[in-house]
Amino acid sequence: MSGNIRFIIKAGQCLTFYNEFEGDFQKKNVPDTAHNALIGCLRCQLVCPVNRPFTKKREIVETFNEEETALIMNDTFHGSPGILEKLKNIDMIEYENVLSRNLNVLLK
């Protein structure tokens, strides 16, 4: 297999594995400094040669004002149709139950 590189990703050590699912990732010895994205991790995507053309592409789809951000951080946004609509627009509605936890750790 000359020229082929093989590696294994240990999902049990993958930040995405922990921050996309409910539960206390602090108990899994994930340091707060490891968090670099609200959902997922993106570090492996940044070094992936297939993703290289897309890593500099930026597009603003939605913005959240300070009041909306505070509601998310306090986990009191679930009844807010405006925030829920924005989350749907950015395909993050499925992560509704972990956003407060992740945002608080990310912004520490």
PDB file of N, CA and C in Angstrom:
ATOM      1  N   MET A   1       0.823  -1.181   0.000  1.00  0.00           N
ATOM      2  CA  MET A   1       0.000   0.000   0.000  1.00  0.00           C
ATOM      3  C   MET A   1       0.872   1.250   0.000  1.00  0.00           C
ATOM      4  N   SER A   2       1.793   1.283  -0.850  1.00  0.00           N
ATOM      5  CA  SER A   2       2.681   2.428  -0.924  1.00  0.00           C
ATOM      6  C   SER A   2       1.900   3.687  -1.272  1.00  0.00           C
ATOM      7  N   GLY A   3       2.174   4.764  -0.524  1.00  0.00           N
ATOM      8  CA  GLY A   3       1.520   6.034  -0.798  1.00  0.00           C
ATOM      9  C   GLY A   3       0.196   6.219  -0.065  1.00  0.00           C
ATOM     10  N   ASN A   4      -0.321   5.160   0.513  1.00  0.00           N
ATOM     11  CA  ASN A   4      -1.572   5.287   1.255  1.00  0.00           C
ATOM     12  C   ASN A   4      -1.285   5.536   2.724  1.00  0.00           C
ATOM     13  N   ILE A   5      -2.046   6.414   3.309  1.00  0.00           N
ATOM     14  CA  ILE A   5      -1.910   6.701   4.728  1.00  0.00           C
ATOM     15  C   ILE A   5      -3.137   6.161   5.428  1.00  0.00           C
ATOM     16  N   ARG A   6      -2.921   5.410   6.483  1.00  0.00           N
ATOM     17  CA  ARG A   6      -4.038   4.861   7.252  1.00  0.00           C
ATOM     18  C   ARG A   6      -3.963   5.387   8.664  1.00  0.00           C
ATOM     19  N   PHE A   7      -5.106   5.753   9.193  1.00  0.00           N
ATOM     20  CA  PHE A   7      -5.166   6.188  10.571  1.00  0.00           C
ATOM     21  C   PHE A   7      -6.526   5.856  11.138  1.00  0.00           C
ATOM     22  N   ILE A   8      -6.599   5.852  12.424  1.00  0.00           N
ATOM     23  CA  ILE A   8      -7.851   5.541  13.109  1.00  0.00           C
ATOM     24  C   ILE A   8      -8.218   6.735  13.980  1.00  0.00           C
ATOM     25  N   ILE A   9      -9.460   7.137  13.895  1.00  0.00           N
ATOM     26  CA  ILE A   9      -9.963   8.179  14.783  1.00  0.00           C
ATOM     27  C   ILE A   9     -10.645   7.481  15.944  1.00  0.00           C
ATOM     28  N   LYS A  10     -10.231   7.801  17.135  1.00  0.00           N
ATOM     29  CA  LYS A  10     -10.846   7.215  18.325  1.00  0.00           C
ATOM     30  C   LYS A  10     -12.033   8.082  18.711  1.00  0.00           C
ATOM     31  N   ALA A  11     -13.231   7.638  18.360  1.00  0.00           N
ATOM     32  CA  ALA A  11     -14.445   8.418  18.609  1.00  0.00           C
ATOM     33  C   ALA A  11     -14.614   8.748  20.085  1.00  0.00           C
ATOM     34  N   GLY A  12     -14.147   7.895  20.961  1.00  0.00           N
ATOM     35  CA  GLY A  12     -14.256   8.138  22.387  1.00  0.00           C
ATOM     36  C   GLY A  12     -13.411   9.309  22.863  1.00  0.00           C
ATOM     37  N   GLN A  13     -12.488   9.765  22.026  1.00  0.00           N
ATOM     38  CA  GLN A  13     -11.664  10.920  22.360  1.00  0.00           C
ATOM     39  C   GLN A  13     -11.988  12.122  21.482  1.00  0.00           C
ATOM     40  N   CYS A  14     -13.027  12.009  20.677  1.00  0.00           N
ATOM     41  CA  CYS A  14     -13.410  13.056  19.735  1.00  0.00           C
ATOM     42  C   CYS A  14     -14.338  14.057  20.425  1.00  0.00           C
ATOM     43  N   LEU A  15     -13.990  15.327  20.397  1.00  0.00           N
ATOM     44  CA  LEU A  15     -14.793  16.369  21.027  1.00  0.00           C
ATOM     45  C   LEU A  15     -16.213  16.385  20.474  1.00  0.00           C
ATOM     46  N   THR A  16     -16.361  16.196  19.182  1.00  0.00           N
ATOM     47  CA  THR A  16     -17.687  16.187  18.572  1.00  0.00           C
ATOM     48  C   THR A  16     -18.576  15.139  19.212  1.00  0.00           C
ATOM     49  N   PHE A  17     -18.009  14.003  19.504  1.00  0.00           N
ATOM     50  CA  PHE A  17     -18.769  12.918  20.132  1.00  0.00           C
ATOM     51  C   PHE A  17     -19.433  13.393  21.415  1.00  0.00           C
ATOM     52  N   TYR A  18     -18.748  14.222  22.174  1.00  0.00           N
ATOM     53  CA  TYR A  18     -19.283  14.677  23.449  1.00  0.00           C
ATOM     54  C   TYR A  18     -20.143  15.930  23.345  1.00  0.00           C
ATOM     55  N   ASN A  19     -19.773  16.883  22.498  1.00  0.00           N
ATOM     56  CA  ASN A  19     -20.526  18.129  22.550  1.00  0.00           C
ATOM     57  C   ASN A  19     -21.766  18.153  21.666  1.00  0.00           C
ATOM     58  N   GLU A  20     -22.038  17.097  20.925  1.00  0.00           N
ATOM     59  CA  GLU A  20     -23.279  17.036  20.164  1.00  0.00           C
ATOM     60  C   GLU A  20     -24.366  16.243  20.892  1.00  0.00           C
ATOM     61  N   PHE A  21     -24.029  15.660  22.020  1.00  0.00           N
ATOM     62  CA  PHE A  21     -24.988  14.854  22.761  1.00  0.00           C
ATOM     63  C   PHE A  21     -25.111  15.364  24.193  1.00  0.00           C
ATOM     64  N   GLU A  22     -26.302  15.201  24.738  1.00  0.00           N
ATOM     65  CA  GLU A  22     -26.547  15.638  26.107  1.00  0.00           C
ATOM     66  C   GLU A  22     -25.700  14.833  27.080  1.00  0.00           C
ATOM     67  N   GLY A  23     -25.427  15.431  28.185  1.00  0.00           N
ATOM     68  CA  GLY A  23     -24.634  14.769  29.216  1.00  0.00           C
ATOM     69  C   GLY A  23     -23.511  15.673  29.661  1.00  0.00           C
ATOM     70  N   ASP A  24     -22.833  15.269  30.665  1.00  0.00           N
ATOM     71  CA  ASP A  24     -21.769  16.078  31.240  1.00  0.00           C
ATOM     72  C   ASP A  24     -20.434  15.669  30.651  1.00  0.00           C
ATOM     73  N   PHE A  25     -19.966  16.426  29.653  1.00  0.00           N
ATOM     74  CA  PHE A  25     -18.670  16.077  29.079  1.00  0.00           C
ATOM     75  C   PHE A  25     -17.521  16.432  29.989  1.00  0.00           C
ATOM     76  N   GLN A  26     -17.776  17.220  31.026  1.00  0.00           N
ATOM     77  CA  GLN A  26     -16.723  17.527  31.984  1.00  0.00           C
ATOM     78  C   GLN A  26     -16.262  16.251  32.692  1.00  0.00           C
ATOM     79  N   LYS A  27     -17.168  15.313  32.895  1.00  0.00           N
ATOM     80  CA  LYS A  27     -16.811  14.051  33.541  1.00  0.00           C
ATOM     81  C   LYS A  27     -15.941  13.175  32.642  1.00  0.00           C
ATOM     82  N   LYS A  28     -15.867  13.510  31.372  1.00  0.00           N
ATOM     83  CA  LYS A  28     -15.070  12.727  30.426  1.00  0.00           C
ATOM     84  C   LYS A  28     -13.672  13.294  30.268  1.00  0.00           C
ATOM     85  N   ASN A  29     -13.293  14.186  31.159  1.00  0.00           N
ATOM     86  CA  ASN A  29     -11.965  14.795  31.132  1.00  0.00           C
ATOM     87  C   ASN A  29     -11.680  15.564  29.848  1.00  0.00           C
ATOM     88  N   VAL A  30     -12.726  16.220  29.311  1.00  0.00           N
ATOM     89  CA  VAL A  30     -12.553  17.081  28.157  1.00  0.00           C
ATOM     90  C   VAL A  30     -12.259  18.481  28.701  1.00  0.00           C
ATOM     91  N   PRO A  31     -11.063  18.980  28.523  1.00  0.00           N
ATOM     92  CA  PRO A  31     -10.738  20.299  29.076  1.00  0.00           C
ATOM     93  C   PRO A  31     -11.527  21.397  28.365  1.00  0.00           C
ATOM     94  N   ASP A  32     -11.899  22.430  29.100  1.00  0.00           N
ATOM     95  CA  ASP A  32     -12.633  23.542  28.512  1.00  0.00           C
ATOM     96  C   ASP A  32     -11.884  24.157  27.336  1.00  0.00           C
ATOM     97  N   THR A  33     -10.568  24.133  27.385  1.00  0.00           N
ATOM     98  CA  THR A  33      -9.767  24.732  26.317  1.00  0.00           C
ATOM     99  C   THR A  33      -9.852  23.956  25.004  1.00  0.00           C
ATOM    100  N   ALA A  34     -10.389  22.750  25.029  1.00  0.00           N
ATOM    101  CA  ALA A  34     -10.523  21.959  23.808  1.00  0.00           C
ATOM    102  C   ALA A  34     -11.663  22.452  22.926  1.00  0.00           C
ATOM    103  N   HIS A  35     -12.596  23.177  23.512  1.00  0.00           N
ATOM    104  CA  HIS A  35     -13.777  23.611  22.772  1.00  0.00           C
ATOM    105  C   HIS A  35     -13.437  24.774  21.853  1.00  0.00           C
ATOM    106  N   ASN A  36     -13.727  24.600  20.572  1.00  0.00           N
ATOM    107  CA  ASN A  36     -13.414  25.631  19.584  1.00  0.00           C
ATOM    108  C   ASN A  36     -14.583  25.928  18.657  1.00  0.00           C
ATOM    109  N   ALA A  37     -15.710  25.263  18.862  1.00  0.00           N
ATOM    110  CA  ALA A  37     -16.892  25.461  18.024  1.00  0.00           C
ATOM    111  C   ALA A  37     -18.125  25.172  18.871  1.00  0.00           C
ATOM    112  N   LEU A  38     -19.225  25.779  18.500  1.00  0.00           N
ATOM    113  CA  LEU A  38     -20.459  25.575  19.255  1.00  0.00           C
ATOM    114  C   LEU A  38     -20.920  24.126  19.151  1.00  0.00           C
ATOM    115  N   ILE A  39     -20.864  23.582  17.978  1.00  0.00           N
ATOM    116  CA  ILE A  39     -21.223  22.184  17.725  1.00  0.00           C
ATOM    117  C   ILE A  39     -20.099  21.575  16.911  1.00  0.00           C
ATOM    118  N   GLY A  40     -19.723  20.389  17.243  1.00  0.00           N
ATOM    119  CA  GLY A  40     -18.635  19.734  16.529  1.00  0.00           C
ATOM    120  C   GLY A  40     -17.296  20.179  17.067  1.00  0.00           C
ATOM    121  N   CYS A  41     -16.292  20.090  16.238  1.00  0.00           N
ATOM    122  CA  CYS A  41     -14.954  20.502  16.622  1.00  0.00           C
ATOM    123  C   CYS A  41     -14.292  21.237  15.462  1.00  0.00           C
ATOM    124  N   LEU A  42     -14.296  20.640  14.328  1.00  0.00           N
ATOM    125  CA  LEU A  42     -13.768  21.210  13.089  1.00  0.00           C
ATOM    126  C   LEU A  42     -12.260  21.102  12.918  1.00  0.00           C
ATOM    127  N   ARG A  43     -11.512  20.752  13.957  1.00  0.00           N
ATOM    128  CA  ARG A  43     -10.056  20.682  13.807  1.00  0.00           C
ATOM    129  C   ARG A  43      -9.638  19.690  12.719  1.00  0.00           C
ATOM    130  N   CYS A  44     -10.250  18.515  12.700  1.00  0.00           N
ATOM    131  CA  CYS A  44      -9.860  17.530  11.681  1.00  0.00           C
ATOM    132  C   CYS A  44     -10.285  17.992  10.293  1.00  0.00           C
ATOM    133  N   GLN A  45     -11.375  18.760  10.210  1.00  0.00           N
ATOM    134  CA  GLN A  45     -11.819  19.263   8.917  1.00  0.00           C
ATOM    135  C   GLN A  45     -10.882  20.333   8.378  1.00  0.00           C
ATOM    136  N   LEU A  46     -10.242  21.079   9.283  1.00  0.00           N
ATOM    137  CA  LEU A  46      -9.331  22.127   8.847  1.00  0.00           C
ATOM    138  C   LEU A  46      -8.076  21.578   8.190  1.00  0.00           C
ATOM    139  N   VAL A  47      -7.641  20.401   8.585  1.00  0.00           N
ATOM    140  CA  VAL A  47      -6.432  19.820   7.992  1.00  0.00           C
ATOM    141  C   VAL A  47      -6.727  18.836   6.869  1.00  0.00           C
ATOM    142  N   CYS A  48      -7.992  18.538   6.651  1.00  0.00           N
ATOM    143  CA  CYS A  48      -8.378  17.587   5.611  1.00  0.00           C
ATOM    144  C   CYS A  48      -8.160  18.203   4.226  1.00  0.00           C
ATOM    145  N   PRO A  49      -7.398  17.549   3.353  1.00  0.00           N
ATOM    146  CA  PRO A  49      -7.137  18.115   2.027  1.00  0.00           C
ATOM    147  C   PRO A  49      -8.407  18.282   1.181  1.00  0.00           C
ATOM    148  N   VAL A  50      -9.393  17.463   1.408  1.00  0.00           N
ATOM    149  CA  VAL A  50     -10.645  17.583   0.649  1.00  0.00           C
ATOM    150  C   VAL A  50     -11.385  18.866   1.034  1.00  0.00           C
ATOM    151  N   ASN A  51     -11.302  19.247   2.286  1.00  0.00           N
ATOM    152  CA  ASN A  51     -11.990  20.444   2.768  1.00  0.00           C
ATOM    153  C   ASN A  51     -11.204  21.733   2.554  1.00  0.00           C
ATOM    154  N   ARG A  52      -9.940  21.628   2.207  1.00  0.00           N
ATOM    155  CA  ARG A  52      -9.071  22.808   2.101  1.00  0.00           C
ATOM    156  C   ARG A  52      -9.690  23.947   1.281  1.00  0.00           C
ATOM    157  N   PRO A  53     -10.310  23.690   0.126  1.00  0.00           N
ATOM    158  CA  PRO A  53     -10.892  24.805  -0.645  1.00  0.00           C
ATOM    159  C   PRO A  53     -12.042  25.511   0.078  1.00  0.00           C
ATOM    160  N   PHE A  54     -12.653  24.855   1.031  1.00  0.00           N
ATOM    161  CA  PHE A  54     -13.823  25.410   1.692  1.00  0.00           C
ATOM    162  C   PHE A  54     -13.527  26.077   3.035  1.00  0.00           C
ATOM    163  N   THR A  55     -12.322  25.904   3.551  1.00  0.00           N
ATOM    164  CA  THR A  55     -12.027  26.397   4.895  1.00  0.00           C
ATOM    165  C   THR A  55     -12.008  27.918   4.985  1.00  0.00           C
ATOM    166  N   LYS A  56     -11.802  28.591   3.895  1.00  0.00           N
ATOM    167  CA  LYS A  56     -11.778  30.059   3.916  1.00  0.00           C
ATOM    168  C   LYS A  56     -13.123  30.659   3.515  1.00  0.00           C
ATOM    169  N   LYS A  57     -14.038  29.826   3.089  1.00  0.00           N
ATOM    170  CA  LYS A  57     -15.353  30.298   2.663  1.00  0.00           C
ATOM    171  C   LYS A  57     -16.177  30.666   3.898  1.00  0.00           C
ATOM    172  N   ARG A  58     -16.720  31.863   3.902  1.00  0.00           N
ATOM    173  CA  ARG A  58     -17.538  32.331   5.019  1.00  0.00           C
ATOM    174  C   ARG A  58     -18.867  32.839   4.474  1.00  0.00           C
ATOM    175  N   GLU A  59     -19.915  32.548   5.201  1.00  0.00           N
ATOM    176  CA  GLU A  59     -21.242  33.005   4.812  1.00  0.00           C
ATOM    177  C   GLU A  59     -22.049  33.239   6.085  1.00  0.00           C
ATOM    178  N   ILE A  60     -22.593  34.416   6.239  1.00  0.00           N
ATOM    179  CA  ILE A  60     -23.438  34.713   7.390  1.00  0.00           C
ATOM    180  C   ILE A  60     -24.872  34.364   7.010  1.00  0.00           C
ATOM    181  N   VAL A  61     -25.416  33.395   7.708  1.00  0.00           N
ATOM    182  CA  VAL A  61     -26.778  32.951   7.431  1.00  0.00           C
ATOM    183  C   VAL A  61     -27.739  33.567   8.442  1.00  0.00           C
ATOM    184  N   GLU A  62     -27.339  33.603   9.682  1.00  0.00           N
ATOM    185  CA  GLU A  62     -28.143  34.185  10.760  1.00  0.00           C
ATOM    186  C   GLU A  62     -27.221  34.882  11.747  1.00  0.00           C
ATOM    187  N   THR A  63     -27.767  35.836  12.446  1.00  0.00           N
ATOM    188  CA  THR A  63     -27.047  36.474  13.541  1.00  0.00           C
ATOM    189  C   THR A  63     -27.949  36.461  14.770  1.00  0.00           C
ATOM    190  N   PHE A  64     -27.325  36.429  15.920  1.00  0.00           N
ATOM    191  CA  PHE A  64     -28.048  36.441  17.188  1.00  0.00           C
ATOM    192  C   PHE A  64     -27.608  37.685  17.951  1.00  0.00           C
ATOM    193  N   ASN A  65     -28.574  38.483  18.406  1.00  0.00           N
ATOM    194  CA  ASN A  65     -28.223  39.693  19.148  1.00  0.00           C
ATOM    195  C   ASN A  65     -27.879  39.315  20.592  1.00  0.00           C
ATOM    196  N   GLU A  66     -27.493  40.321  21.380  1.00  0.00           N
ATOM    197  CA  GLU A  66     -27.074  40.060  22.761  1.00  0.00           C
ATOM    198  C   GLU A  66     -28.192  39.444  23.593  1.00  0.00           C
ATOM    199  N   GLU A  67     -29.417  39.916  23.404  1.00  0.00           N
ATOM    200  CA  GLU A  67     -30.541  39.379  24.170  1.00  0.00           C
ATOM    201  C   GLU A  67     -30.782  37.906  23.827  1.00  0.00           C
ATOM    202  N   GLU A  68     -30.735  37.577  22.540  1.00  0.00           N
ATOM    203  CA  GLU A  68     -30.926  36.179  22.118  1.00  0.00           C
ATOM    204  C   GLU A  68     -29.791  35.304  22.644  1.00  0.00           C
ATOM    205  N   THR A  69     -28.574  35.823  22.586  1.00  0.00           N
ATOM    206  CA  THR A  69     -27.421  35.067  23.086  1.00  0.00           C
ATOM    207  C   THR A  69     -27.566  34.805  24.580  1.00  0.00           C
ATOM    208  N   ALA A  70     -28.023  35.807  25.331  1.00  0.00           N
ATOM    209  CA  ALA A  70     -28.230  35.630  26.774  1.00  0.00           C
ATOM    210  C   ALA A  70     -29.298  34.578  27.042  1.00  0.00           C
ATOM    211  N   LEU A  71     -30.362  34.570  26.247  1.00  0.00           N
ATOM    212  CA  LEU A  71     -31.405  33.555  26.421  1.00  0.00           C
ATOM    213  C   LEU A  71     -30.853  32.150  26.160  1.00  0.00           C
ATOM    214  N   ILE A  72     -30.008  32.033  25.149  1.00  0.00           N
ATOM    215  CA  ILE A  72     -29.401  30.724  24.854  1.00  0.00           C
ATOM    216  C   ILE A  72     -28.467  30.329  25.996  1.00  0.00           C
ATOM    217  N   MET A  73     -27.643  31.250  26.450  1.00  0.00           N
ATOM    218  CA  MET A  73     -26.696  30.939  27.518  1.00  0.00           C
ATOM    219  C   MET A  73     -27.406  30.537  28.806  1.00  0.00           C
ATOM    220  N   ASN A  74     -28.552  31.141  29.059  1.00  0.00           N
ATOM    221  CA  ASN A  74     -29.320  30.824  30.268  1.00  0.00           C
ATOM    222  C   ASN A  74     -30.287  29.659  30.058  1.00  0.00           C
ATOM    223  N   ASP A  75     -30.275  29.094  28.869  1.00  0.00           N
ATOM    224  CA  ASP A  75     -31.142  27.960  28.515  1.00  0.00           C
ATOM    225  C   ASP A  75     -32.625  28.300  28.693  1.00  0.00           C
ATOM    226  N   THR A  76     -32.989  29.554  28.349  1.00  0.00           N
ATOM    227  CA  THR A  76     -34.381  29.998  28.473  1.00  0.00           C
ATOM    228  C   THR A  76     -34.949  30.414  27.120  1.00  0.00           C
ATOM    229  N   PHE A  77     -34.402  29.894  26.051  1.00  0.00           N
ATOM    230  CA  PHE A  77     -34.801  30.284  24.700  1.00  0.00           C
ATOM    231  C   PHE A  77     -35.810  29.342  24.048  1.00  0.00           C
ATOM    232  N   HIS A  78     -36.128  28.244  24.674  1.00  0.00           N
ATOM    233  CA  HIS A  78     -36.922  27.188  24.029  1.00  0.00           C
ATOM    234  C   HIS A  78     -38.312  27.645  23.603  1.00  0.00           C
ATOM    235  N   GLY A  79     -38.865  28.663  24.241  1.00  0.00           N
ATOM    236  CA  GLY A  79     -40.180  29.167  23.864  1.00  0.00           C
ATOM    237  C   GLY A  79     -40.115  30.351  22.914  1.00  0.00           C
ATOM    238  N   SER A  80     -38.937  30.678  22.446  1.00  0.00           N
ATOM    239  CA  SER A  80     -38.760  31.842  21.577  1.00  0.00           C
ATOM    240  C   SER A  80     -38.844  31.436  20.103  1.00  0.00           C
ATOM    241  N   PRO A  81     -39.961  31.762  19.437  1.00  0.00           N
ATOM    242  CA  PRO A  81     -40.092  31.365  18.036  1.00  0.00           C
ATOM    243  C   PRO A  81     -39.014  31.964  17.142  1.00  0.00           C
ATOM    244  N   GLY A  82     -38.558  33.190  17.462  1.00  0.00           N
ATOM    245  CA  GLY A  82     -37.517  33.817  16.642  1.00  0.00           C
ATOM    246  C   GLY A  82     -36.206  33.055  16.693  1.00  0.00           C
ATOM    247  N   ILE A  83     -35.785  32.675  17.885  1.00  0.00           N
ATOM    248  CA  ILE A  83     -34.532  31.928  18.032  1.00  0.00           C
ATOM    249  C   ILE A  83     -34.667  30.544  17.421  1.00  0.00           C
ATOM    250  N   LEU A  84     -35.775  29.882  17.658  1.00  0.00           N
ATOM    251  CA  LEU A  84     -35.970  28.541  17.099  1.00  0.00           C
ATOM    252  C   LEU A  84     -35.974  28.576  15.579  1.00  0.00           C
ATOM    253  N   GLU A  85     -36.551  29.617  14.996  1.00  0.00           N
ATOM    254  CA  GLU A  85     -36.547  29.750  13.534  1.00  0.00           C
ATOM    255  C   GLU A  85     -35.125  29.940  13.010  1.00  0.00           C
ATOM    256  N   LYS A  86     -34.342  30.753  13.708  1.00  0.00           N
ATOM    257  CA  LYS A  86     -32.947  30.951  13.309  1.00  0.00           C
ATOM    258  C   LYS A  86     -32.168  29.640  13.404  1.00  0.00           C
ATOM    259  N   LEU A  87     -32.411  28.886  14.463  1.00  0.00           N
ATOM    260  CA  LEU A  87     -31.721  27.596  14.607  1.00  0.00           C
ATOM    261  C   LEU A  87     -32.103  26.649  13.480  1.00  0.00           C
ATOM    262  N   LYS A  88     -33.352  26.675  13.073  1.00  0.00           N
ATOM    263  CA  LYS A  88     -33.780  25.849  11.925  1.00  0.00           C
ATOM    264  C   LYS A  88     -33.065  26.301  10.656  1.00  0.00           C
ATOM    265  N   ASN A  89     -32.951  27.621  10.466  1.00  0.00           N
ATOM    266  CA  ASN A  89     -32.310  28.155   9.262  1.00  0.00           C
ATOM    267  C   ASN A  89     -30.848  27.758   9.138  1.00  0.00           C
ATOM    268  N   ILE A  90     -30.197  27.528  10.265  1.00  0.00           N
ATOM    269  CA  ILE A  90     -28.779  27.145  10.225  1.00  0.00           C
ATOM    270  C   ILE A  90     -28.584  25.658  10.552  1.00  0.00           C
ATOM    271  N   ASP A  91     -29.667  24.913  10.457  1.00  0.00           N
ATOM    272  CA  ASP A  91     -29.622  23.458  10.676  1.00  0.00           C
ATOM    273  C   ASP A  91     -29.035  23.076  12.036  1.00  0.00           C
ATOM    274  N   MET A  92     -29.405  23.828  13.072  1.00  0.00           N
ATOM    275  CA  MET A  92     -28.911  23.515  14.412  1.00  0.00           C
ATOM    276  C   MET A  92     -30.032  23.228  15.396  1.00  0.00           C
ATOM    277  N   ILE A  93     -31.260  23.128  14.910  1.00  0.00           N
ATOM    278  CA  ILE A  93     -32.382  22.903  15.812  1.00  0.00           C
ATOM    279  C   ILE A  93     -32.252  21.566  16.546  1.00  0.00           C
ATOM    280  N   GLU A  94     -31.617  20.605  15.918  1.00  0.00           N
ATOM    281  CA  GLU A  94     -31.466  19.301  16.562  1.00  0.00           C
ATOM    282  C   GLU A  94     -30.527  19.357  17.772  1.00  0.00           C
ATOM    283  N   TYR A  95     -29.754  20.435  17.878  1.00  0.00           N
ATOM    284  CA  TYR A  95     -28.821  20.583  18.999  1.00  0.00           C
ATOM    285  C   TYR A  95     -29.371  21.518  20.075  1.00  0.00           C
ATOM    286  N   GLU A  96     -30.653  21.807  20.026  1.00  0.00           N
ATOM    287  CA  GLU A  96     -31.293  22.735  20.953  1.00  0.00           C
ATOM    288  C   GLU A  96     -30.968  22.426  22.415  1.00  0.00           C
ATOM    289  N   ASN A  97     -30.903  21.164  22.772  1.00  0.00           N
ATOM    290  CA  ASN A  97     -30.712  20.778  24.173  1.00  0.00           C
ATOM    291  C   ASN A  97     -29.273  20.883  24.675  1.00  0.00           C
ATOM    292  N   VAL A  98     -28.320  21.129  23.786  1.00  0.00           N
ATOM    293  CA  VAL A  98     -26.925  21.242  24.232  1.00  0.00           C
ATOM    294  C   VAL A  98     -26.331  22.627  23.978  1.00  0.00           C
ATOM    295  N   LEU A  99     -27.078  23.513  23.352  1.00  0.00           N
ATOM    296  CA  LEU A  99     -26.528  24.818  22.985  1.00  0.00           C
ATOM    297  C   LEU A  99     -26.095  25.639  24.194  1.00  0.00           C
ATOM    298  N   SER A 100     -26.914  25.698  25.229  1.00  0.00           N
ATOM    299  CA  SER A 100     -26.566  26.484  26.405  1.00  0.00           C
ATOM    300  C   SER A 100     -25.269  25.984  27.029  1.00  0.00           C
ATOM    301  N   ARG A 101     -25.185  24.693  27.244  1.00  0.00           N
ATOM    302  CA  ARG A 101     -23.988  24.096  27.840  1.00  0.00           C
ATOM    303  C   ARG A 101     -22.756  24.414  26.995  1.00  0.00           C
ATOM    304  N   ASN A 102     -22.857  24.175  25.676  1.00  0.00           N
ATOM    305  CA  ASN A 102     -21.705  24.352  24.798  1.00  0.00           C
ATOM    306  C   ASN A 102     -21.304  25.822  24.663  1.00  0.00           C
ATOM    307  N   LEU A 103     -22.295  26.704  24.551  1.00  0.00           N
ATOM    308  CA  LEU A 103     -21.973  28.130  24.407  1.00  0.00           C
ATOM    309  C   LEU A 103     -21.298  28.667  25.665  1.00  0.00           C
ATOM    310  N   ASN A 104     -21.759  28.257  26.816  1.00  0.00           N
ATOM    311  CA  ASN A 104     -21.145  28.705  28.064  1.00  0.00           C
ATOM    312  C   ASN A 104     -19.697  28.249  28.179  1.00  0.00           C
ATOM    313  N   VAL A 105     -19.415  27.025  27.776  1.00  0.00           N
ATOM    314  CA  VAL A 105     -18.029  26.526  27.829  1.00  0.00           C
ATOM    315  C   VAL A 105     -17.178  27.227  26.774  1.00  0.00           C
ATOM    316  N   LEU A 106     -17.735  27.417  25.589  1.00  0.00           N
ATOM    317  CA  LEU A 106     -16.995  28.035  24.495  1.00  0.00           C
ATOM    318  C   LEU A 106     -16.610  29.474  24.821  1.00  0.00           C
ATOM    319  N   LEU A 107     -17.498  30.206  25.487  1.00  0.00           N
ATOM    320  CA  LEU A 107     -17.245  31.621  25.770  1.00  0.00           C
ATOM    321  C   LEU A 107     -16.512  31.864  27.083  1.00  0.00           C
ATOM    322  N   LYS A 108     -16.123  30.800  27.795  1.00  0.00           N
ATOM    323  CA  LYS A 108     -15.373  30.983  29.051  1.00  0.00           C
ATOM    324  C   LYS A 108     -14.062  31.687  28.800  1.00  0.00           C
TER     325      LYS A 108
END
